[in-house]
Protein backbone atom coordinates (compact mmCIF):
# COMPACT_ATOMS: atom_id res chain seq x y z
CA UNK A 1 19.47 8.10 20.80
CA UNK A 2 16.51 6.43 19.00
CA UNK A 3 16.36 3.88 16.26
CA UNK A 4 16.19 5.43 12.80
CA UNK A 5 13.74 3.69 10.47
CA UNK A 6 14.18 3.67 6.70
CA UNK A 7 12.11 6.39 5.01
CA UNK A 8 9.99 3.81 3.15
CA UNK A 9 8.83 2.33 6.46
CA UNK A 10 8.06 5.77 7.83
CA UNK A 11 6.07 6.56 4.70
CA UNK A 12 4.19 3.26 4.98
CA UNK A 13 3.33 4.05 8.61
CA UNK A 14 2.02 7.47 7.60
CA UNK A 15 -0.11 5.91 4.88
CA UNK A 16 -1.50 3.34 7.31
CA UNK A 17 -2.34 6.09 9.79
CA UNK A 18 -4.21 8.09 7.16
CA UNK A 19 -6.05 5.01 5.99
CA UNK A 20 -7.01 4.02 9.54
CA UNK A 21 -8.63 7.42 9.96
CA UNK A 22 -10.84 6.81 6.92
CA UNK A 23 -13.99 5.07 8.18
CA UNK A 24 -15.01 4.15 4.63
CA UNK A 25 -11.99 1.89 4.17
CA UNK A 26 -11.54 0.83 7.77
CA UNK A 27 -14.93 -0.85 8.18
CA UNK A 28 -14.32 -3.80 5.87
CA UNK A 29 -10.55 -4.28 6.12
CA UNK A 30 -9.54 -6.96 8.66
CA UNK A 31 -6.92 -6.15 11.26
CA UNK A 32 -3.44 -6.77 9.89
CA UNK A 33 -4.43 -5.91 6.31
CA UNK A 34 -4.50 -2.80 4.14
CA UNK A 35 -6.73 -1.83 1.24
CA UNK A 36 -4.92 -0.73 -1.89
CA UNK A 37 -6.20 0.49 -5.23
CA UNK A 38 -4.21 -0.75 -8.20
CA UNK A 39 -4.24 0.20 -11.85
CA UNK A 40 -2.87 2.73 -14.25
CA UNK A 41 -6.22 4.08 -15.47
CA UNK A 42 -9.07 2.17 -13.87
CA UNK A 43 -8.37 1.15 -10.27
CA UNK A 44 -9.28 -2.17 -8.65
CA UNK A 45 -9.35 -2.61 -4.87
CA UNK A 46 -7.25 -5.31 -3.21
CA UNK A 47 -6.84 -6.14 0.48
CA UNK A 48 -3.32 -7.35 1.28
CA UNK A 49 -1.46 -8.25 4.48
CA UNK A 50 0.48 -5.42 6.11
CA UNK A 51 3.51 -7.75 6.17
CA UNK A 52 3.88 -7.11 2.42
CA UNK A 53 5.00 -3.55 3.23
CA UNK A 54 8.37 -4.94 4.40
CA UNK A 55 9.29 -6.56 1.11
CA UNK A 56 11.63 -4.59 -1.19
CA UNK A 57 9.43 -5.26 -4.24
CA UNK A 58 6.37 -3.83 -2.51
CA UNK A 59 8.42 -0.92 -1.17
CA UNK A 60 9.35 -0.07 -4.76
CA UNK A 61 5.62 0.22 -5.51
CA UNK A 62 5.18 2.43 -2.44
CA UNK A 63 7.95 4.69 -3.72
CA UNK A 64 6.20 4.97 -7.11
CA UNK A 65 2.96 5.73 -5.33
CA UNK A 66 4.59 8.46 -3.24
CA UNK A 67 6.19 10.01 -6.35
CA UNK A 68 2.87 10.14 -8.17
CA UNK A 69 0.39 10.90 -5.38
CA UNK A 70 2.39 11.97 -2.33
CA UNK A 71 0.13 11.25 0.63
CA UNK A 72 -3.05 12.44 -1.09
CA UNK A 73 -4.63 9.30 -2.51
CA UNK A 74 -7.71 9.97 -4.65
CA UNK A 75 -9.47 6.69 -3.87
CA UNK A 76 -9.42 7.16 -0.08
CA UNK A 77 -6.91 4.34 0.35
CA UNK A 78 -3.40 3.66 -0.81
CA UNK A 79 -3.31 4.01 -4.61
CA UNK A 80 -0.57 2.15 -6.48
CA UNK A 81 0.08 3.19 -10.09
CA UNK A 82 0.97 -0.10 -11.75
CA UNK A 83 -0.69 -2.64 -14.01
CA UNK A 84 -3.13 -4.92 -12.22
CA UNK A 85 -1.52 -8.08 -13.62
CA UNK A 86 1.93 -6.99 -12.37
CA UNK A 87 0.49 -6.37 -8.90
CA UNK A 88 -1.25 -9.76 -8.83
CA UNK A 89 2.01 -11.42 -9.94
CA UNK A 90 3.95 -9.66 -7.17
CA UNK A 91 1.45 -10.44 -4.42
CA UNK A 92 1.29 -14.09 -5.56
CA UNK A 93 5.06 -14.34 -5.18
CA UNK A 94 4.95 -12.66 -1.77
CA UNK A 95 2.17 -15.00 -0.63
CA UNK A 96 4.27 -18.05 -1.54
CA UNK A 97 7.38 -16.80 0.28
């Protein structure tokens, strides 16, 4: 009997695997980080620690991303459909915690 992981963590692992296979994104992202593209219309690239994937607030963004894009992300990395200022606010709070 194995340990059952929450579906959000499984989805995050699948996204990381796909991103790791993309040489374009992998070459300039340090180990332990992930590149994400954020924005509702125009996307801006951010590099954030993988540890953020555990936080419920970030998982909510991952769920939104999955609903909108599935696992086919048009930018070649994880695309998160939210306002840039909201993302910066969230990551600032996560960085302080």
